[in-house]
Amino acid sequence: MTTRPGPSYIAFEGGEGSGKSTQAEILAKRIGATLTREPGGTDLGQELRRLLLNPGEAPVGARAETLMMAADRAQHATEVVAPVLGVGGSVVSDRTAYSSLAYQGGGRQLGVAEVRAVNDWALAGLWPDLVIFLECAPEVAQARLGRSLDRLEQEGAEFHQRVHQTYLDLAAANPETWVTVSAIGSIIDVAERIWLAVSERFEPDQDEGPA
């Protein structure tokens, strides 16, 4: 197993179809980290995820959506992330509160600063140490989705372009935390790009391969 000094909290961010779930699983296995996701990483989160993303559920307003996402993230931080970090472990999460900055702050046009403030309070300041942004043009990423789409995935091209631009802005403004990795290419190719980025930040002791 690959090891690396100290606890770390690594987030995978990006638009729909960018490969976050696959790559988060690969990296978590590679470094021996706890793999989780938002929304839905706790029992409460599963219920909130259903209400938020299932197209068959009642409509949710933009501000209510933001607060429900923040509730999921608060529970996740308390129940999953903080306990793992507290015993010296590592966490790899498929989405974190940064998704709310992009989707609700940018996509829903509620304002990144406003959504950040809500989530900072919900998380008690527990934000990821490293954010891996899998960058892929929205039209390319959307074409990869070969399944029934959830409520956010069904939003129009302008919404997803705003989300994408917000991610680009966040990455540019936070180079000490964010690493942008091209999501174009094979799963192995993308995994190797991610590994290089993580290795530079956390200096893993050895490499047993991407999977």
N, C-alpha and C. Protein backbone atom coordinates (compact mmCIF):
# COMPACT_ATOMS: atom_id res chain seq x y z
N MET A 1 0.84 -1.20 0.00
CA MET A 1 0.00 0.00 0.00
C MET A 1 0.88 1.25 0.00
N THR A 2 0.47 2.24 -0.76
CA THR A 2 1.20 3.50 -0.77
C THR A 2 0.93 4.25 0.53
N THR A 3 1.96 4.82 1.12
CA THR A 3 1.77 5.59 2.34
C THR A 3 2.29 7.00 2.15
N ARG A 4 1.85 7.87 3.06
CA ARG A 4 2.23 9.27 2.94
C ARG A 4 2.02 9.92 4.29
N PRO A 5 2.93 10.81 4.69
CA PRO A 5 2.87 11.33 6.05
C PRO A 5 1.64 12.19 6.32
N GLY A 6 1.07 11.98 7.51
CA GLY A 6 0.04 12.89 7.98
C GLY A 6 -1.33 12.65 7.39
N PRO A 7 -2.37 13.09 8.10
CA PRO A 7 -3.73 12.99 7.56
C PRO A 7 -3.94 13.96 6.41
N SER A 8 -4.83 13.65 5.52
CA SER A 8 -5.17 14.57 4.44
C SER A 8 -6.61 14.37 4.02
N TYR A 9 -7.17 15.43 3.50
CA TYR A 9 -8.56 15.46 3.06
C TYR A 9 -8.52 15.93 1.61
N ILE A 10 -8.78 15.01 0.70
CA ILE A 10 -8.66 15.28 -0.73
C ILE A 10 -10.04 15.26 -1.37
N ALA A 11 -10.34 16.32 -2.11
CA ALA A 11 -11.63 16.44 -2.78
C ALA A 11 -11.46 16.27 -4.27
N PHE A 12 -12.41 15.58 -4.89
CA PHE A 12 -12.52 15.54 -6.34
C PHE A 12 -13.69 16.42 -6.75
N GLU A 13 -13.42 17.37 -7.62
CA GLU A 13 -14.45 18.28 -8.09
C GLU A 13 -14.46 18.32 -9.62
N GLY A 14 -15.60 18.73 -10.16
CA GLY A 14 -15.73 18.83 -11.61
C GLY A 14 -17.18 18.68 -12.02
N GLY A 15 -17.45 18.91 -13.27
CA GLY A 15 -18.81 18.82 -13.79
C GLY A 15 -19.27 17.39 -13.94
N GLU A 16 -20.53 17.24 -14.33
CA GLU A 16 -21.10 15.91 -14.55
C GLU A 16 -20.35 15.22 -15.68
N GLY A 17 -20.04 13.93 -15.47
CA GLY A 17 -19.39 13.16 -16.52
C GLY A 17 -17.89 13.36 -16.62
N SER A 18 -17.28 14.03 -15.65
CA SER A 18 -15.85 14.29 -15.71
C SER A 18 -15.01 13.12 -15.18
N GLY A 19 -15.65 12.12 -14.60
CA GLY A 19 -14.92 10.95 -14.12
C GLY A 19 -14.52 10.99 -12.66
N LYS A 20 -15.13 11.88 -11.88
CA LYS A 20 -14.76 12.05 -10.47
C LYS A 20 -14.91 10.77 -9.66
N SER A 21 -16.03 10.10 -9.80
CA SER A 21 -16.28 8.92 -8.97
C SER A 21 -15.25 7.83 -9.23
N THR A 22 -14.96 7.58 -10.50
CA THR A 22 -13.98 6.57 -10.87
C THR A 22 -12.61 6.92 -10.33
N GLN A 23 -12.18 8.15 -10.54
CA GLN A 23 -10.85 8.56 -10.13
C GLN A 23 -10.72 8.67 -8.61
N ALA A 24 -11.78 9.08 -7.93
CA ALA A 24 -11.74 9.12 -6.47
C ALA A 24 -11.54 7.72 -5.90
N GLU A 25 -12.21 6.74 -6.48
CA GLU A 25 -12.07 5.36 -6.02
C GLU A 25 -10.64 4.85 -6.25
N ILE A 26 -10.07 5.15 -7.41
CA ILE A 26 -8.71 4.72 -7.72
C ILE A 26 -7.71 5.32 -6.73
N LEU A 27 -7.83 6.63 -6.50
CA LEU A 27 -6.87 7.28 -5.61
C LEU A 27 -7.02 6.81 -4.17
N ALA A 28 -8.28 6.67 -3.71
CA ALA A 28 -8.49 6.21 -2.33
C ALA A 28 -7.87 4.85 -2.10
N LYS A 29 -8.04 3.96 -3.07
CA LYS A 29 -7.45 2.63 -2.95
C LYS A 29 -5.92 2.71 -2.97
N ARG A 30 -5.41 3.60 -3.78
CA ARG A 30 -3.96 3.71 -3.95
C ARG A 30 -3.26 4.24 -2.69
N ILE A 31 -3.89 5.12 -1.97
CA ILE A 31 -3.25 5.69 -0.77
C ILE A 31 -3.84 5.15 0.54
N GLY A 32 -4.77 4.20 0.43
CA GLY A 32 -5.35 3.62 1.64
C GLY A 32 -6.24 4.57 2.40
N ALA A 33 -6.98 5.40 1.68
CA ALA A 33 -7.85 6.40 2.29
C ALA A 33 -9.29 5.92 2.37
N THR A 34 -10.06 6.56 3.24
CA THR A 34 -11.50 6.34 3.29
C THR A 34 -12.14 7.05 2.11
N LEU A 35 -12.92 6.31 1.34
CA LEU A 35 -13.62 6.86 0.17
C LEU A 35 -15.04 7.23 0.57
N THR A 36 -15.46 8.43 0.21
CA THR A 36 -16.82 8.86 0.53
C THR A 36 -17.33 9.79 -0.55
N ARG A 37 -18.52 10.33 -0.37
CA ARG A 37 -19.09 11.22 -1.39
C ARG A 37 -20.06 12.21 -0.75
N GLU A 38 -20.29 13.29 -1.48
CA GLU A 38 -21.31 14.27 -1.11
C GLU A 38 -22.12 14.64 -2.36
N PRO A 39 -23.44 14.79 -2.21
CA PRO A 39 -24.21 14.39 -1.04
C PRO A 39 -24.36 12.88 -0.98
N GLY A 40 -24.66 12.36 0.21
CA GLY A 40 -24.98 10.95 0.34
C GLY A 40 -24.00 10.10 1.11
N GLY A 41 -23.01 10.70 1.78
CA GLY A 41 -22.02 9.92 2.49
C GLY A 41 -22.43 9.46 3.88
N THR A 42 -23.64 9.82 4.31
CA THR A 42 -24.19 9.40 5.60
C THR A 42 -25.64 8.98 5.38
N ASP A 43 -26.27 8.41 6.41
CA ASP A 43 -27.68 8.03 6.28
C ASP A 43 -28.54 9.26 6.00
N LEU A 44 -28.28 10.35 6.74
CA LEU A 44 -29.02 11.59 6.48
C LEU A 44 -28.73 12.08 5.07
N GLY A 45 -27.47 12.00 4.67
CA GLY A 45 -27.10 12.44 3.33
C GLY A 45 -27.79 11.66 2.24
N GLN A 46 -28.01 10.38 2.44
CA GLN A 46 -28.70 9.56 1.43
C GLN A 46 -30.12 10.08 1.21
N GLU A 47 -30.79 10.42 2.30
CA GLU A 47 -32.15 10.93 2.19
C GLU A 47 -32.16 12.30 1.53
N LEU A 48 -31.22 13.17 1.91
CA LEU A 48 -31.13 14.48 1.28
C LEU A 48 -30.79 14.35 -0.20
N ARG A 49 -29.91 13.43 -0.54
CA ARG A 49 -29.56 13.21 -1.94
C ARG A 49 -30.79 12.83 -2.76
N ARG A 50 -31.61 11.94 -2.20
CA ARG A 50 -32.82 11.53 -2.91
C ARG A 50 -33.74 12.73 -3.15
N LEU A 51 -33.94 13.54 -2.12
CA LEU A 51 -34.83 14.69 -2.25
C LEU A 51 -34.27 15.74 -3.22
N LEU A 52 -32.95 15.89 -3.22
CA LEU A 52 -32.32 16.92 -4.04
C LEU A 52 -32.18 16.52 -5.50
N LEU A 53 -31.86 15.28 -5.77
CA LEU A 53 -31.46 14.89 -7.12
C LEU A 53 -32.47 14.06 -7.89
N ASN A 54 -33.40 13.43 -7.20
CA ASN A 54 -34.39 12.59 -7.89
C ASN A 54 -35.39 13.47 -8.63
N PRO A 55 -35.46 13.37 -9.97
CA PRO A 55 -36.39 14.21 -10.72
C PRO A 55 -37.86 13.97 -10.36
N GLY A 56 -38.16 12.84 -9.75
CA GLY A 56 -39.53 12.54 -9.38
C GLY A 56 -39.98 13.18 -8.09
N GLU A 57 -39.06 13.78 -7.34
CA GLU A 57 -39.42 14.44 -6.08
C GLU A 57 -39.94 15.85 -6.35
N ALA A 58 -40.56 16.44 -5.32
CA ALA A 58 -41.10 17.80 -5.45
C ALA A 58 -39.98 18.79 -5.75
N PRO A 59 -40.28 19.84 -6.51
CA PRO A 59 -39.25 20.85 -6.84
C PRO A 59 -38.66 21.47 -5.57
N VAL A 60 -37.38 21.79 -5.65
CA VAL A 60 -36.65 22.42 -4.55
C VAL A 60 -36.12 23.76 -5.04
N GLY A 61 -36.43 24.84 -4.32
CA GLY A 61 -35.94 26.16 -4.68
C GLY A 61 -34.44 26.28 -4.51
N ALA A 62 -33.85 27.26 -5.17
CA ALA A 62 -32.39 27.41 -5.17
C ALA A 62 -31.83 27.59 -3.77
N ARG A 63 -32.46 28.43 -2.95
CA ARG A 63 -31.95 28.66 -1.60
C ARG A 63 -32.16 27.43 -0.71
N ALA A 64 -33.31 26.79 -0.85
CA ALA A 64 -33.54 25.55 -0.09
C ALA A 64 -32.55 24.48 -0.51
N GLU A 65 -32.26 24.41 -1.81
CA GLU A 65 -31.28 23.46 -2.31
C GLU A 65 -29.91 23.70 -1.67
N THR A 66 -29.54 24.96 -1.58
CA THR A 66 -28.26 25.33 -0.98
C THR A 66 -28.20 24.91 0.48
N LEU A 67 -29.26 25.16 1.22
CA LEU A 67 -29.28 24.83 2.64
C LEU A 67 -29.33 23.32 2.87
N MET A 68 -30.04 22.60 2.01
CA MET A 68 -30.08 21.14 2.12
C MET A 68 -28.71 20.53 1.81
N MET A 69 -28.04 21.07 0.80
CA MET A 69 -26.68 20.61 0.50
C MET A 69 -25.75 20.90 1.68
N ALA A 70 -25.90 22.07 2.28
CA ALA A 70 -25.06 22.42 3.43
C ALA A 70 -25.33 21.49 4.61
N ALA A 71 -26.59 21.10 4.79
CA ALA A 71 -26.92 20.16 5.87
C ALA A 71 -26.24 18.81 5.63
N ASP A 72 -26.28 18.35 4.39
CA ASP A 72 -25.57 17.11 4.06
C ASP A 72 -24.09 17.22 4.38
N ARG A 73 -23.48 18.34 4.00
CA ARG A 73 -22.05 18.52 4.19
C ARG A 73 -21.69 18.64 5.67
N ALA A 74 -22.55 19.29 6.45
CA ALA A 74 -22.31 19.40 7.89
C ALA A 74 -22.31 18.03 8.56
N GLN A 75 -23.31 17.22 8.23
CA GLN A 75 -23.39 15.87 8.80
C GLN A 75 -22.21 15.02 8.35
N HIS A 76 -21.84 15.16 7.11
CA HIS A 76 -20.73 14.39 6.55
C HIS A 76 -19.42 14.74 7.25
N ALA A 77 -19.20 16.04 7.47
CA ALA A 77 -17.99 16.47 8.16
C ALA A 77 -17.93 15.91 9.58
N THR A 78 -19.06 15.95 10.27
CA THR A 78 -19.12 15.50 11.65
C THR A 78 -19.02 13.98 11.78
N GLU A 79 -19.72 13.27 10.89
CA GLU A 79 -19.86 11.83 11.03
C GLU A 79 -18.75 11.04 10.33
N VAL A 80 -18.20 11.59 9.24
CA VAL A 80 -17.23 10.83 8.44
C VAL A 80 -15.85 11.48 8.43
N VAL A 81 -15.76 12.72 7.96
CA VAL A 81 -14.45 13.32 7.70
C VAL A 81 -13.66 13.57 8.98
N ALA A 82 -14.24 14.30 9.92
CA ALA A 82 -13.50 14.64 11.14
C ALA A 82 -13.04 13.42 11.92
N PRO A 83 -13.87 12.38 12.10
CA PRO A 83 -13.40 11.20 12.83
C PRO A 83 -12.21 10.51 12.16
N VAL A 84 -12.23 10.41 10.83
CA VAL A 84 -11.12 9.76 10.13
C VAL A 84 -9.84 10.58 10.28
N LEU A 85 -9.94 11.88 10.04
CA LEU A 85 -8.76 12.74 10.18
C LEU A 85 -8.27 12.75 11.63
N GLY A 86 -9.20 12.65 12.56
CA GLY A 86 -8.84 12.71 13.97
C GLY A 86 -7.98 11.56 14.45
N VAL A 87 -8.03 10.42 13.74
CA VAL A 87 -7.19 9.28 14.12
C VAL A 87 -6.03 9.12 13.14
N GLY A 88 -5.73 10.17 12.37
CA GLY A 88 -4.58 10.15 11.48
C GLY A 88 -4.82 9.53 10.13
N GLY A 89 -6.08 9.31 9.77
CA GLY A 89 -6.40 8.74 8.48
C GLY A 89 -6.54 9.78 7.40
N SER A 90 -6.82 9.32 6.20
CA SER A 90 -7.03 10.19 5.05
C SER A 90 -8.42 9.96 4.46
N VAL A 91 -8.96 11.00 3.88
CA VAL A 91 -10.28 10.94 3.26
C VAL A 91 -10.17 11.41 1.82
N VAL A 92 -10.79 10.65 0.91
CA VAL A 92 -10.95 11.08 -0.47
C VAL A 92 -12.45 11.17 -0.72
N SER A 93 -12.91 12.35 -1.10
CA SER A 93 -14.35 12.56 -1.28
C SER A 93 -14.70 12.94 -2.70
N ASP A 94 -15.69 12.23 -3.23
CA ASP A 94 -16.28 12.56 -4.53
C ASP A 94 -17.27 13.69 -4.29
N ARG A 95 -16.82 14.91 -4.52
CA ARG A 95 -17.49 16.17 -4.25
C ARG A 95 -17.39 16.57 -2.78
N THR A 96 -17.34 17.89 -2.58
CA THR A 96 -17.34 18.48 -1.24
C THR A 96 -18.12 19.79 -1.33
N ALA A 97 -17.96 20.63 -0.33
CA ALA A 97 -18.68 21.91 -0.33
C ALA A 97 -18.32 22.79 -1.52
N TYR A 98 -17.17 22.55 -2.13
CA TYR A 98 -16.81 23.34 -3.31
C TYR A 98 -17.81 23.13 -4.45
N SER A 99 -18.46 21.96 -4.48
CA SER A 99 -19.51 21.75 -5.48
C SER A 99 -20.65 22.73 -5.28
N SER A 100 -20.96 23.03 -4.03
CA SER A 100 -22.02 24.01 -3.77
C SER A 100 -21.63 25.39 -4.25
N LEU A 101 -20.35 25.76 -4.09
CA LEU A 101 -19.89 27.05 -4.61
C LEU A 101 -20.10 27.11 -6.12
N ALA A 102 -19.81 25.99 -6.80
CA ALA A 102 -19.93 25.97 -8.26
C ALA A 102 -21.38 25.85 -8.72
N TYR A 103 -22.13 24.93 -8.11
CA TYR A 103 -23.48 24.65 -8.60
C TYR A 103 -24.53 25.64 -8.09
N GLN A 104 -24.50 25.91 -6.79
CA GLN A 104 -25.48 26.86 -6.26
C GLN A 104 -24.97 28.31 -6.37
N GLY A 105 -23.69 28.52 -6.04
CA GLY A 105 -23.14 29.86 -6.14
C GLY A 105 -23.05 30.34 -7.56
N GLY A 106 -22.48 29.51 -8.45
CA GLY A 106 -22.33 29.88 -9.85
C GLY A 106 -23.50 29.49 -10.72
N GLY A 107 -23.83 28.18 -10.72
CA GLY A 107 -24.91 27.69 -11.57
C GLY A 107 -26.26 28.31 -11.27
N ARG A 108 -26.61 28.38 -9.98
CA ARG A 108 -27.89 28.97 -9.57
C ARG A 108 -27.78 30.50 -9.42
N GLN A 109 -26.59 31.02 -9.54
CA GLN A 109 -26.33 32.47 -9.48
C GLN A 109 -26.71 33.08 -8.13
N LEU A 110 -26.46 32.32 -7.06
CA LEU A 110 -26.72 32.83 -5.72
C LEU A 110 -25.52 33.58 -5.15
N GLY A 111 -24.38 33.47 -5.80
CA GLY A 111 -23.18 34.16 -5.35
C GLY A 111 -22.22 33.22 -4.63
N VAL A 112 -21.00 33.13 -5.12
CA VAL A 112 -20.02 32.22 -4.53
C VAL A 112 -19.71 32.61 -3.08
N ALA A 113 -19.53 33.90 -2.81
CA ALA A 113 -19.20 34.33 -1.45
C ALA A 113 -20.31 33.98 -0.47
N GLU A 114 -21.56 34.17 -0.88
CA GLU A 114 -22.69 33.87 0.00
C GLU A 114 -22.78 32.37 0.30
N VAL A 115 -22.61 31.55 -0.74
CA VAL A 115 -22.69 30.11 -0.54
C VAL A 115 -21.49 29.61 0.25
N ARG A 116 -20.33 30.21 0.05
CA ARG A 116 -19.16 29.84 0.83
C ARG A 116 -19.40 30.12 2.33
N ALA A 117 -19.99 31.25 2.64
CA ALA A 117 -20.23 31.61 4.04
C ALA A 117 -21.15 30.59 4.72
N VAL A 118 -22.21 30.19 4.02
CA VAL A 118 -23.14 29.20 4.57
C VAL A 118 -22.41 27.89 4.84
N ASN A 119 -21.59 27.46 3.90
CA ASN A 119 -20.91 26.17 4.03
C ASN A 119 -19.76 26.23 5.03
N ASP A 120 -19.09 27.37 5.13
CA ASP A 120 -18.02 27.49 6.10
C ASP A 120 -18.57 27.33 7.51
N TRP A 121 -19.74 27.91 7.75
CA TRP A 121 -20.40 27.75 9.05
C TRP A 121 -20.81 26.29 9.25
N ALA A 122 -21.39 25.68 8.22
CA ALA A 122 -21.85 24.29 8.33
C ALA A 122 -20.70 23.33 8.61
N LEU A 123 -19.54 23.62 8.02
CA LEU A 123 -18.39 22.73 8.15
C LEU A 123 -17.51 23.07 9.35
N ALA A 124 -17.81 24.16 10.04
CA ALA A 124 -16.95 24.65 11.12
C ALA A 124 -15.52 24.81 10.61
N GLY A 125 -15.40 25.24 9.35
CA GLY A 125 -14.09 25.52 8.76
C GLY A 125 -13.33 24.32 8.24
N LEU A 126 -13.94 23.13 8.22
CA LEU A 126 -13.24 21.93 7.77
C LEU A 126 -13.35 21.78 6.25
N TRP A 127 -12.38 22.37 5.54
CA TRP A 127 -12.33 22.31 4.08
C TRP A 127 -11.20 21.38 3.66
N PRO A 128 -11.24 20.86 2.44
CA PRO A 128 -10.18 19.93 1.98
C PRO A 128 -8.79 20.56 1.95
N ASP A 129 -7.78 19.69 2.13
CA ASP A 129 -6.39 20.10 2.03
C ASP A 129 -5.97 20.25 0.57
N LEU A 130 -6.54 19.42 -0.29
CA LEU A 130 -6.21 19.41 -1.71
C LEU A 130 -7.48 19.17 -2.51
N VAL A 131 -7.66 19.96 -3.57
CA VAL A 131 -8.80 19.80 -4.47
C VAL A 131 -8.28 19.42 -5.84
N ILE A 132 -8.73 18.29 -6.35
CA ILE A 132 -8.37 17.86 -7.70
C ILE A 132 -9.56 18.17 -8.60
N PHE A 133 -9.39 19.16 -9.45
CA PHE A 133 -10.45 19.58 -10.37
C PHE A 133 -10.24 18.87 -11.70
N LEU A 134 -11.16 17.96 -12.02
CA LEU A 134 -11.11 17.26 -13.30
C LEU A 134 -11.79 18.13 -14.34
N GLU A 135 -10.97 18.74 -15.19
CA GLU A 135 -11.46 19.74 -16.13
C GLU A 135 -11.83 19.11 -17.46
N CYS A 136 -13.04 19.41 -17.87
CA CYS A 136 -13.56 18.88 -19.13
C CYS A 136 -14.67 19.80 -19.59
N ALA A 137 -14.69 20.16 -20.87
CA ALA A 137 -15.74 21.04 -21.39
C ALA A 137 -17.11 20.42 -21.10
N PRO A 138 -18.08 21.23 -20.67
CA PRO A 138 -19.39 20.68 -20.30
C PRO A 138 -20.05 19.83 -21.38
N GLU A 139 -19.93 20.26 -22.64
CA GLU A 139 -20.58 19.49 -23.71
C GLU A 139 -19.93 18.13 -23.89
N VAL A 140 -18.62 18.04 -23.65
CA VAL A 140 -17.92 16.76 -23.75
C VAL A 140 -18.32 15.86 -22.57
N ALA A 141 -18.34 16.44 -21.38
CA ALA A 141 -18.69 15.67 -20.19
C ALA A 141 -20.12 15.16 -20.25
N GLN A 142 -21.04 16.01 -20.70
CA GLN A 142 -22.44 15.61 -20.77
C GLN A 142 -22.63 14.44 -21.73
N ALA A 143 -21.85 14.41 -22.79
CA ALA A 143 -21.98 13.34 -23.79
C ALA A 143 -21.55 11.99 -23.21
N ARG A 144 -20.80 12.00 -22.12
CA ARG A 144 -20.34 10.75 -21.50
C ARG A 144 -21.42 10.09 -20.66
N LEU A 145 -22.44 10.83 -20.27
CA LEU A 145 -23.44 10.32 -19.35
C LEU A 145 -24.37 9.34 -20.06
N GLY A 146 -24.17 8.07 -19.79
CA GLY A 146 -24.97 7.05 -20.46
C GLY A 146 -26.00 6.43 -19.55
N ARG A 147 -26.73 7.25 -18.82
CA ARG A 147 -27.72 6.75 -17.86
C ARG A 147 -28.80 7.80 -17.70
N SER A 148 -29.82 7.48 -16.90
CA SER A 148 -30.85 8.46 -16.61
C SER A 148 -30.23 9.60 -15.82
N LEU A 149 -30.59 10.84 -16.18
CA LEU A 149 -29.96 12.00 -15.57
C LEU A 149 -30.70 12.44 -14.32
N ASP A 150 -29.94 12.89 -13.30
CA ASP A 150 -30.58 13.42 -12.11
C ASP A 150 -30.99 14.87 -12.35
N ARG A 151 -31.58 15.49 -11.32
CA ARG A 151 -32.16 16.82 -11.49
C ARG A 151 -31.12 17.86 -11.91
N LEU A 152 -29.94 17.83 -11.32
CA LEU A 152 -28.92 18.80 -11.68
C LEU A 152 -28.32 18.51 -13.05
N GLU A 153 -28.16 17.24 -13.36
CA GLU A 153 -27.63 16.87 -14.67
C GLU A 153 -28.57 17.30 -15.79
N GLN A 154 -29.86 17.40 -15.49
CA GLN A 154 -30.85 17.79 -16.51
C GLN A 154 -30.90 19.29 -16.78
N GLU A 155 -30.18 20.07 -15.98
CA GLU A 155 -30.17 21.51 -16.21
C GLU A 155 -29.54 21.82 -17.58
N GLY A 156 -29.87 22.98 -18.13
CA GLY A 156 -29.45 23.32 -19.48
C GLY A 156 -27.98 23.67 -19.61
N ALA A 157 -27.57 23.89 -20.87
CA ALA A 157 -26.17 24.16 -21.19
C ALA A 157 -25.65 25.42 -20.50
N GLU A 158 -26.48 26.46 -20.38
CA GLU A 158 -26.02 27.70 -19.75
C GLU A 158 -25.70 27.47 -18.28
N PHE A 159 -26.53 26.70 -17.61
CA PHE A 159 -26.28 26.36 -16.21
C PHE A 159 -24.94 25.66 -16.06
N HIS A 160 -24.70 24.63 -16.86
CA HIS A 160 -23.47 23.86 -16.74
C HIS A 160 -22.25 24.67 -17.17
N GLN A 161 -22.43 25.62 -18.08
CA GLN A 161 -21.31 26.48 -18.43
C GLN A 161 -20.96 27.41 -17.28
N ARG A 162 -21.97 27.90 -16.56
CA ARG A 162 -21.70 28.73 -15.38
C ARG A 162 -20.97 27.93 -14.30
N VAL A 163 -21.39 26.68 -14.11
CA VAL A 163 -20.73 25.80 -13.14
C VAL A 163 -19.27 25.62 -13.53
N HIS A 164 -19.03 25.33 -14.80
CA HIS A 164 -17.68 25.10 -15.29
C HIS A 164 -16.81 26.34 -15.09
N GLN A 165 -17.35 27.50 -15.42
CA GLN A 165 -16.58 28.73 -15.28
C GLN A 165 -16.27 29.02 -13.81
N THR A 166 -17.21 28.72 -12.93
CA THR A 166 -16.96 28.93 -11.51
C THR A 166 -15.84 28.03 -11.02
N TYR A 167 -15.83 26.79 -11.46
CA TYR A 167 -14.72 25.91 -11.12
C TYR A 167 -13.39 26.47 -11.60
N LEU A 168 -13.36 26.95 -12.83
CA LEU A 168 -12.13 27.53 -13.37
C LEU A 168 -11.67 28.71 -12.52
N ASP A 169 -12.63 29.54 -12.12
CA ASP A 169 -12.30 30.72 -11.31
C ASP A 169 -11.77 30.30 -9.92
N LEU A 170 -12.40 29.30 -9.32
CA LEU A 170 -11.96 28.83 -8.01
C LEU A 170 -10.54 28.26 -8.09
N ALA A 171 -10.27 27.48 -9.13
CA ALA A 171 -8.95 26.89 -9.29
C ALA A 171 -7.89 27.97 -9.49
N ALA A 172 -8.21 28.98 -10.30
CA ALA A 172 -7.25 30.05 -10.56
C ALA A 172 -6.97 30.88 -9.32
N ALA A 173 -7.99 31.04 -8.48
CA ALA A 173 -7.84 31.88 -7.28
C ALA A 173 -7.19 31.16 -6.12
N ASN A 174 -7.09 29.82 -6.19
CA ASN A 174 -6.58 29.05 -5.05
C ASN A 174 -5.52 28.03 -5.49
N PRO A 175 -4.43 28.49 -6.10
CA PRO A 175 -3.43 27.55 -6.62
C PRO A 175 -2.72 26.74 -5.53
N GLU A 176 -2.74 27.24 -4.30
CA GLU A 176 -2.09 26.51 -3.21
C GLU A 176 -2.88 25.28 -2.80
N THR A 177 -4.16 25.25 -3.12
CA THR A 177 -5.03 24.14 -2.74
C THR A 177 -5.54 23.36 -3.94
N TRP A 178 -5.79 24.04 -5.04
CA TRP A 178 -6.42 23.41 -6.20
C TRP A 178 -5.38 22.98 -7.23
N VAL A 179 -5.63 21.80 -7.81
CA VAL A 179 -4.84 21.30 -8.94
C VAL A 179 -5.82 20.95 -10.05
N THR A 180 -5.58 21.50 -11.23
CA THR A 180 -6.43 21.22 -12.38
C THR A 180 -5.80 20.10 -13.20
N VAL A 181 -6.59 19.06 -13.44
CA VAL A 181 -6.13 17.89 -14.19
C VAL A 181 -7.09 17.68 -15.36
N SER A 182 -6.55 17.52 -16.55
CA SER A 182 -7.41 17.26 -17.71
C SER A 182 -8.10 15.91 -17.54
N ALA A 183 -9.42 15.91 -17.75
CA ALA A 183 -10.20 14.68 -17.64
C ALA A 183 -10.30 13.95 -18.97
N ILE A 184 -9.60 14.43 -19.98
CA ILE A 184 -9.63 13.82 -21.30
C ILE A 184 -8.56 12.74 -21.39
N GLY A 185 -8.94 11.57 -21.88
CA GLY A 185 -8.01 10.46 -22.01
C GLY A 185 -8.54 9.22 -21.32
N SER A 186 -7.73 8.17 -21.33
CA SER A 186 -8.15 6.92 -20.70
C SER A 186 -8.17 7.07 -19.19
N ILE A 187 -8.85 6.14 -18.53
CA ILE A 187 -8.91 6.15 -17.07
C ILE A 187 -7.51 6.09 -16.48
N ILE A 188 -6.65 5.26 -17.05
CA ILE A 188 -5.28 5.11 -16.54
C ILE A 188 -4.49 6.39 -16.76
N ASP A 189 -4.64 7.01 -17.92
CA ASP A 189 -3.91 8.26 -18.19
C ASP A 189 -4.29 9.35 -17.20
N VAL A 190 -5.59 9.51 -16.96
CA VAL A 190 -6.05 10.53 -16.02
C VAL A 190 -5.58 10.19 -14.61
N ALA A 191 -5.63 8.92 -14.24
CA ALA A 191 -5.18 8.50 -12.91
C ALA A 191 -3.71 8.84 -12.70
N GLU A 192 -2.90 8.68 -13.72
CA GLU A 192 -1.47 9.00 -13.59
C GLU A 192 -1.25 10.50 -13.43
N ARG A 193 -2.03 11.31 -14.14
CA ARG A 193 -1.92 12.76 -13.96
C ARG A 193 -2.27 13.15 -12.53
N ILE A 194 -3.32 12.53 -12.01
CA ILE A 194 -3.74 12.80 -10.63
C ILE A 194 -2.65 12.38 -9.65
N TRP A 195 -2.06 11.21 -9.90
CA TRP A 195 -1.03 10.71 -9.00
C TRP A 195 0.17 11.65 -8.94
N LEU A 196 0.55 12.20 -10.08
CA LEU A 196 1.65 13.16 -10.10
C LEU A 196 1.32 14.38 -9.23
N ALA A 197 0.08 14.86 -9.35
CA ALA A 197 -0.34 16.03 -8.58
C ALA A 197 -0.33 15.74 -7.08
N VAL A 198 -0.85 14.58 -6.70
CA VAL A 198 -0.89 14.21 -5.28
C VAL A 198 0.52 13.97 -4.75
N SER A 199 1.36 13.33 -5.55
CA SER A 199 2.73 13.05 -5.13
C SER A 199 3.49 14.34 -4.84
N GLU A 200 3.28 15.36 -5.67
CA GLU A 200 3.96 16.64 -5.47
C GLU A 200 3.54 17.30 -4.17
N ARG A 201 2.28 17.12 -3.78
CA ARG A 201 1.78 17.78 -2.57
C ARG A 201 2.05 16.98 -1.30
N PHE A 202 1.99 15.64 -1.39
CA PHE A 202 2.02 14.83 -0.17
C PHE A 202 3.16 13.84 -0.11
N GLU A 203 4.01 13.78 -1.13
CA GLU A 203 5.21 12.97 -1.15
C GLU A 203 4.98 11.54 -0.69
N PRO A 204 4.19 10.74 -1.43
CA PRO A 204 3.99 9.35 -1.07
C PRO A 204 5.31 8.58 -1.12
N ASP A 205 5.44 7.56 -0.27
CA ASP A 205 6.69 6.84 -0.14
C ASP A 205 6.94 5.85 -1.28
N GLN A 206 5.87 5.27 -1.81
CA GLN A 206 6.06 4.28 -2.86
C GLN A 206 4.83 4.22 -3.73
N ASP A 207 4.98 3.55 -4.87
CA ASP A 207 3.92 3.51 -5.88
C ASP A 207 3.69 2.07 -6.30
N GLU A 208 2.46 1.61 -6.11
CA GLU A 208 2.12 0.26 -6.52
C GLU A 208 1.23 0.25 -7.75
N GLY A 209 1.05 1.36 -8.40
CA GLY A 209 0.20 1.40 -9.58
C GLY A 209 -1.11 2.07 -9.30
N PRO A 210 -1.87 2.41 -10.36
CA PRO A 210 -3.07 3.21 -10.22
C PRO A 210 -4.28 2.48 -9.69
N ALA A 211 -4.26 1.17 -9.63
CA ALA A 211 -5.46 0.45 -9.20
C ALA A 211 -5.07 -0.75 -8.36
